[in-house]
Each structure stands twice: as structure tokens, then as C-alpha cells.
Amino acid sequence: MFLPVFLGDDSCPPLSALQAKGRGSLKGAEAAHAVGSLRLGVGDPLDLVDGRGLRLRCQILATDKSYLEFEVLEVMRLPLPHTQFGLIQALSKGGRDEQAVESAVELGVSRVRPWAAQRSIVQWKGQKLQRGSRKWLSLLQAAAKQSRRANWPRLDSLADSRQLREIISSGSGEEKFLLLDPDASLSLSEAWEQVCQAKMIQVIVGPEGGVSPQETADFRAAGAIAARLGPTVLRSSSAGPAALAALGLCSGLWSRKESL
């Protein structure tokens, strides 16, 4: 059963200290959203999470405008899947990068990194860096709540192409990088055979103008595997989510019985 999810913030007793039949309270924005926006009331169930795999199934005992009391019905500790995925998304115009990030979180991605590619029209410089990072973090959190996740993704820092090349080259054997390239000789399913033993698979997606030949050469030399998605070229907003959906099927993520 999927119930509305809320983050147990500082106004709530530490979630890790609560057991079945334990009681607590939630205040502030999360409680206001539950009571005001979703119209939850006494007797309604909800889930409280810590973003790190702990999920408490609760029942509301009392409410006010920005306050609710609850009783814990069940405590669940949900592990991350054996194979995790990351999205390295190039900054793109028209909000296409944000669409990709939101969908990736709903599809179960564990990490997201913004990438200032050579052909990225959008650039995070000066105050835009802080604003962009805050906006992406907010997107990650909202999408994690919407998709009822207990394990929330991590937002890595912005990288330019030189830094990304260094990140790829310094990756361990348990971390692999897949560069989406419509001209690659390997299909995504063939590339999967080369990365399927990794614990973390990072999918690299270029901007609307594509990944430059120099970036492609640099990333492949650093250890990334170039792969094509299929017979069509997808937008920057859809390429990453499409690849993650396909890889999730290959990895068995979609066969997982417990929630994420």
C-alpha cells in the first residue's frame, strides 16, 4: 500500500527512536501540507520517512492547522537496491533538465549531478549556482515525496566537463559510467552486459545540442561506455529517464516487491 509520505523534520521526535505503538507529533510545513492541502484528519494513515530508508506507517490521532499527533503502526527499514543508478544531467534550456531530474527521481535514481557541458546554453555562475542548486534539491525532494520513496536521492555538486572527466577516471570498479550517444556502436542492452556487475551506474546525458566530439572522446578515454538508446534521438528531458527505465528493468528494480 502506498500512502502519502512526509519527511520527519526537526519538529518531530527522532524517527529512529520510535517503535510500534509509539507516539509523536509533527509541526510546521509538513504538518500543514498534510492537514491543509491533503485534508488528512483523525484516523487517516500516513508514512513518515527520514530520507535514508526508514519508513514509519502511522495513524493520525489529532490535528490542528500546522500540527498533527500520530501513533506508529509499523516500522520499516528499506534497503537500497543492489544496483543503484545516478543521473549526470547536462544543464539545458526550457526546463528540460529539470523535467529529466524529476522523472529520474520517480524512476528510483539514487544520485543526481548537474553538468555544465560545453554546449549547455544555460550556465550556473555566480548567484545562479546557488539558486540552481537549491531549485534542483527542491525538485528532488518533491519528486521523492510524490513517488512515496523512503530512500531519497543525493544531489552532487555541479561539474564542468573537465571535472566530469576526472570523476569518471577516478571511479572505482563498483561504479560505471554510461554516456548516451546516438552514434555509439553499442546498444544500451549490449552496454548493460559490461556494467551489470557494478553497484552504481551513472548515466550521462548531454544538453539539447548534444555532447561535443571532444567531450565524447575525453569521457570514453576516462572509462565511460558510450551507448545508444534506440532508433530515434530523444530530447535532453527524456533521454535519461528512458535509459533509467530500461536499465531498471534489466537490473530487476521493477521486480522489487518492497517500496524504495
Protein backbone atom coordinates (compact mmCIF):
# COMPACT_ATOMS: atom_id res chain seq x y z
CA MET A 1 0.00 0.00 0.00
CA PHE A 2 1.32 3.45 -0.95
CA LEU A 3 0.37 6.22 1.47
CA PRO A 4 1.16 9.96 1.47
CA VAL A 5 4.79 10.49 2.54
CA PHE A 6 6.10 13.24 4.80
CA LEU A 7 9.60 13.99 6.00
CA GLY A 8 10.08 13.74 9.74
CA ASP A 9 11.75 17.11 10.34
CA ASP A 10 13.17 18.72 13.49
CA SER A 11 9.71 19.27 14.94
CA CYS A 12 9.18 15.52 15.09
CA PRO A 13 10.78 13.17 17.62
CA PRO A 14 13.73 11.34 16.02
CA LEU A 15 12.12 8.73 13.80
CA SER A 16 14.83 6.22 14.66
CA ALA A 17 13.75 6.35 18.31
CA LEU A 18 10.11 5.46 17.63
CA GLN A 19 8.76 1.92 17.70
CA ALA A 20 5.37 0.38 17.01
CA LYS A 21 2.68 1.90 19.26
CA GLY A 22 4.94 4.86 19.96
CA ARG A 23 3.51 8.36 19.66
CA GLY A 24 4.84 11.62 18.35
CA SER A 25 3.90 14.92 16.75
CA LEU A 26 4.68 16.72 13.52
CA LYS A 27 4.65 20.50 13.16
CA GLY A 28 5.41 23.13 10.56
CA ALA A 29 5.22 22.91 6.77
CA GLU A 30 4.95 19.14 6.57
CA ALA A 31 2.04 19.01 9.01
CA ALA A 32 0.36 22.00 7.33
CA HIS A 33 0.58 20.24 3.98
CA ALA A 34 -0.88 17.04 5.40
CA VAL A 35 -3.76 18.75 7.20
CA GLY A 36 -4.40 21.75 4.95
CA SER A 37 -3.60 20.63 1.40
CA LEU A 38 -4.31 16.91 1.58
CA ARG A 39 -7.14 17.25 4.11
CA LEU A 40 -5.89 14.38 6.26
CA GLY A 41 -7.68 14.02 9.58
CA VAL A 42 -8.05 11.87 12.67
CA GLY A 43 -7.88 8.19 11.82
CA ASP A 44 -6.15 8.67 8.46
CA PRO A 45 -2.91 6.76 7.77
CA LEU A 46 0.32 8.33 6.52
CA ASP A 47 4.01 7.47 6.23
CA LEU A 48 6.85 9.39 7.87
CA VAL A 49 10.32 8.89 6.39
CA ASP A 50 13.83 10.08 7.17
CA GLY A 51 15.03 10.00 3.54
CA ARG A 52 17.54 7.26 4.39
CA GLY A 53 15.34 4.19 4.20
CA LEU A 54 13.36 4.41 7.44
CA ARG A 55 9.60 4.43 6.96
CA LEU A 56 7.07 4.67 9.80
CA ARG A 57 3.49 3.78 8.99
CA CYS A 58 1.35 5.95 11.26
CA GLN A 59 -2.21 6.88 12.10
CA ILE A 60 -3.28 10.42 12.91
CA LEU A 61 -4.64 10.94 16.43
CA ALA A 62 -5.25 14.71 16.43
CA THR A 63 -4.74 17.70 14.12
CA ASP A 64 -4.56 21.48 14.01
CA LYS A 65 -3.70 23.89 11.18
CA SER A 66 0.02 23.09 11.18
CA TYR A 67 0.20 20.28 13.73
CA LEU A 68 -0.68 16.63 13.99
CA GLU A 69 -0.22 13.87 16.53
CA PHE A 70 0.32 10.31 15.39
CA GLU A 71 0.75 6.75 16.58
CA VAL A 72 3.23 4.41 14.91
CA LEU A 73 1.61 1.30 13.48
CA GLU A 74 4.63 -0.27 11.79
CA VAL A 75 8.37 0.37 11.45
CA MET A 76 10.06 -0.49 8.14
CA ARG A 77 13.74 -0.20 7.20
CA LEU A 78 14.03 -0.39 3.45
CA PRO A 79 17.44 -1.19 1.92
CA LEU A 80 18.68 0.36 -1.28
CA PRO A 81 18.63 -1.94 -4.33
CA HIS A 82 21.78 -3.94 -5.07
CA THR A 83 22.26 -1.97 -8.30
CA GLN A 84 21.80 1.77 -7.92
CA PHE A 85 21.62 4.42 -10.62
CA GLY A 86 22.78 8.00 -10.94
CA LEU A 87 21.90 10.68 -13.47
CA ILE A 88 24.52 13.17 -14.66
CA GLN A 89 22.31 15.66 -16.46
CA ALA A 90 23.62 18.49 -18.61
CA LEU A 91 22.09 21.90 -17.96
CA SER A 92 19.50 22.53 -20.67
CA LYS A 93 17.19 25.36 -21.66
CA GLY A 94 13.42 25.35 -21.38
CA GLY A 95 13.40 23.43 -18.11
CA ARG A 96 14.21 20.18 -19.90
CA ASP A 97 16.95 19.39 -17.41
CA GLU A 98 14.50 19.82 -14.53
CA GLN A 99 11.97 17.55 -16.24
CA ALA A 100 14.66 14.90 -16.56
CA VAL A 101 15.67 15.20 -12.91
CA GLU A 102 12.09 14.97 -11.66
CA SER A 103 11.34 11.87 -13.73
CA ALA A 104 14.65 10.25 -12.77
CA VAL A 105 13.79 10.52 -9.07
CA GLU A 106 10.38 8.96 -9.68
CA LEU A 107 12.17 6.13 -11.50
CA GLY A 108 14.37 5.38 -8.50
CA VAL A 109 17.64 7.18 -9.16
CA SER A 110 19.95 7.43 -6.12
CA ARG A 111 22.17 10.32 -7.18
CA VAL A 112 21.84 13.35 -9.45
CA ARG A 113 24.63 15.62 -10.67
CA PRO A 114 24.19 18.80 -12.76
CA TRP A 115 26.73 19.08 -15.58
CA ALA A 116 27.84 22.29 -17.31
CA ALA A 117 28.52 20.81 -20.73
CA GLN A 118 30.34 22.67 -23.50
CA ARG A 119 27.10 23.06 -25.44
CA SER A 120 24.91 23.93 -22.47
CA ILE A 121 23.17 27.23 -23.16
CA VAL A 122 22.12 27.53 -19.52
CA GLN A 123 25.03 28.25 -17.19
CA TRP A 124 25.13 28.35 -13.39
CA LYS A 125 27.55 31.12 -12.50
CA GLY A 126 27.66 33.46 -9.52
CA GLN A 127 24.33 33.61 -7.72
CA LYS A 128 22.78 31.33 -10.35
CA LEU A 129 24.84 28.46 -8.96
CA GLN A 130 23.21 28.68 -5.54
CA ARG A 131 19.74 29.28 -6.97
CA GLY A 132 20.09 26.39 -9.39
CA SER A 133 21.33 24.00 -6.73
CA ARG A 134 18.51 24.95 -4.37
CA LYS A 135 15.93 24.52 -7.12
CA TRP A 136 17.22 21.09 -8.10
CA LEU A 137 17.34 19.99 -4.46
CA SER A 138 13.73 21.10 -4.03
CA LEU A 139 12.80 19.15 -7.17
CA LEU A 140 14.49 16.04 -5.82
CA GLN A 141 12.68 16.26 -2.50
CA ALA A 142 9.27 16.95 -4.04
CA ALA A 143 9.64 14.09 -6.52
CA ALA A 144 10.78 11.71 -3.78
CA LYS A 145 7.68 12.55 -1.73
CA GLN A 146 5.40 12.31 -4.75
CA SER A 147 6.75 8.85 -5.62
CA ARG A 148 6.45 7.72 -1.97
CA ARG A 149 10.15 7.00 -1.51
CA ALA A 150 11.80 6.32 1.84
CA ASN A 151 15.31 6.47 0.33
CA TRP A 152 15.80 9.96 -1.10
CA PRO A 153 18.41 10.73 -3.79
CA ARG A 154 21.56 12.76 -3.19
CA LEU A 155 22.35 15.91 -5.14
CA ASP A 156 26.02 16.06 -6.13
CA SER A 157 27.79 19.32 -6.89
CA LEU A 158 27.87 20.92 -10.33
CA ALA A 159 30.70 19.68 -12.55
CA ASP A 160 32.10 21.09 -15.76
CA SER A 161 33.41 18.76 -18.46
CA ARG A 162 36.97 18.74 -17.14
CA GLN A 163 35.77 17.87 -13.66
CA LEU A 164 33.43 15.22 -15.01
CA ARG A 165 36.28 13.60 -16.91
CA GLU A 166 38.24 13.43 -13.64
CA ILE A 167 35.22 11.98 -11.81
CA ILE A 168 34.91 9.25 -14.43
CA SER A 169 38.60 8.40 -14.39
CA SER A 170 38.68 8.20 -10.58
CA GLY A 171 35.65 5.91 -10.36
CA SER A 172 36.10 2.55 -8.66
CA GLY A 173 35.34 -0.83 -10.21
CA GLU A 174 31.97 -0.75 -8.48
CA GLU A 175 30.96 2.45 -10.31
CA LYS A 176 30.42 2.56 -14.06
CA PHE A 177 29.51 5.43 -16.40
CA LEU A 178 27.23 5.16 -19.43
CA LEU A 179 27.38 8.03 -21.92
CA LEU A 180 24.24 8.25 -24.03
CA ASP A 181 25.35 8.77 -27.63
CA PRO A 182 23.03 8.27 -30.65
CA ASP A 183 26.08 7.46 -32.80
CA ALA A 184 27.51 4.81 -30.47
CA SER A 185 28.07 1.32 -31.87
CA LEU A 186 26.82 -0.36 -28.68
CA SER A 187 23.12 -0.52 -27.90
CA LEU A 188 22.03 0.10 -24.33
CA SER A 189 21.26 -3.59 -23.84
CA GLU A 190 24.75 -4.52 -25.06
CA ALA A 191 26.31 -1.90 -22.80
CA TRP A 192 24.34 -3.32 -19.88
CA GLU A 193 26.35 -6.54 -20.14
CA GLN A 194 29.50 -4.54 -19.46
CA VAL A 195 28.20 -2.70 -16.41
CA CYS A 196 25.73 -5.13 -14.83
CA GLN A 197 28.10 -6.10 -12.01
CA ALA A 198 28.54 -2.52 -10.82
CA LYS A 199 26.84 -1.28 -7.67
CA MET A 200 26.42 2.24 -9.09
CA ILE A 201 25.71 3.00 -12.75
CA GLN A 202 25.88 6.67 -13.73
CA VAL A 203 24.00 7.71 -16.87
CA ILE A 204 25.44 10.79 -18.62
CA VAL A 205 23.03 12.88 -20.70
CA GLY A 206 24.05 15.83 -22.86
CA PRO A 207 22.27 19.15 -23.49
CA GLU A 208 19.94 19.99 -26.36
CA GLY A 209 22.93 20.46 -28.69
CA GLY A 210 24.37 17.09 -27.79
CA VAL A 211 27.71 16.05 -26.32
CA SER A 212 30.63 17.53 -28.25
CA PRO A 213 33.07 15.19 -30.05
CA GLN A 214 35.85 16.33 -27.69
CA GLU A 215 33.77 15.55 -24.60
CA THR A 216 32.80 12.17 -26.03
CA ALA A 217 36.44 11.32 -26.70
CA ASP A 218 37.56 12.55 -23.27
CA PHE A 219 34.86 10.66 -21.37
CA ARG A 220 35.47 7.44 -23.28
CA ALA A 221 39.22 7.74 -22.69
CA ALA A 222 38.47 8.20 -18.96
CA GLY A 223 36.47 4.96 -18.89
CA ALA A 224 32.88 5.82 -19.82
CA ILE A 225 31.00 3.44 -22.11
CA ALA A 226 29.09 5.08 -24.95
CA ALA A 227 25.69 3.56 -25.75
CA ARG A 228 22.74 4.44 -27.97
CA LEU A 229 19.17 4.24 -26.75
CA GLY A 230 17.45 3.17 -29.92
CA PRO A 231 16.44 4.14 -33.45
CA THR A 232 15.43 7.71 -32.54
CA VAL A 233 17.14 10.68 -30.91
CA LEU A 234 15.46 11.71 -27.66
CA ARG A 235 15.32 15.15 -26.10
CA SER A 236 17.50 16.02 -23.14
CA SER A 237 14.38 15.84 -20.98
CA SER A 238 13.50 12.27 -21.95
CA ALA A 239 16.80 10.52 -22.76
CA GLY A 240 17.89 9.98 -19.16
CA PRO A 241 14.52 8.77 -17.85
CA ALA A 242 14.15 6.42 -20.85
CA ALA A 243 17.57 4.90 -20.20
CA LEU A 244 16.92 4.60 -16.47
CA ALA A 245 13.60 2.87 -17.10
CA ALA A 246 15.25 0.36 -19.43
CA LEU A 247 18.16 -0.24 -17.06
CA GLY A 248 15.75 -0.63 -14.14
CA LEU A 249 14.08 -3.46 -16.00
CA CYS A 250 17.44 -5.09 -16.76
CA SER A 251 18.61 -4.80 -13.16
CA GLY A 252 15.44 -6.24 -11.64
CA LEU A 253 14.42 -2.99 -9.98
CA TRP A 254 10.92 -3.30 -11.39
CA SER A 255 10.61 -6.77 -9.84
CA ARG A 256 11.30 -5.40 -6.35
CA LYS A 257 8.37 -6.18 -4.05
CA GLU A 258 9.18 -3.73 -1.27
CA SER A 259 8.98 0.01 -1.77
CA LEU A 260 12.13 2.05 -2.31
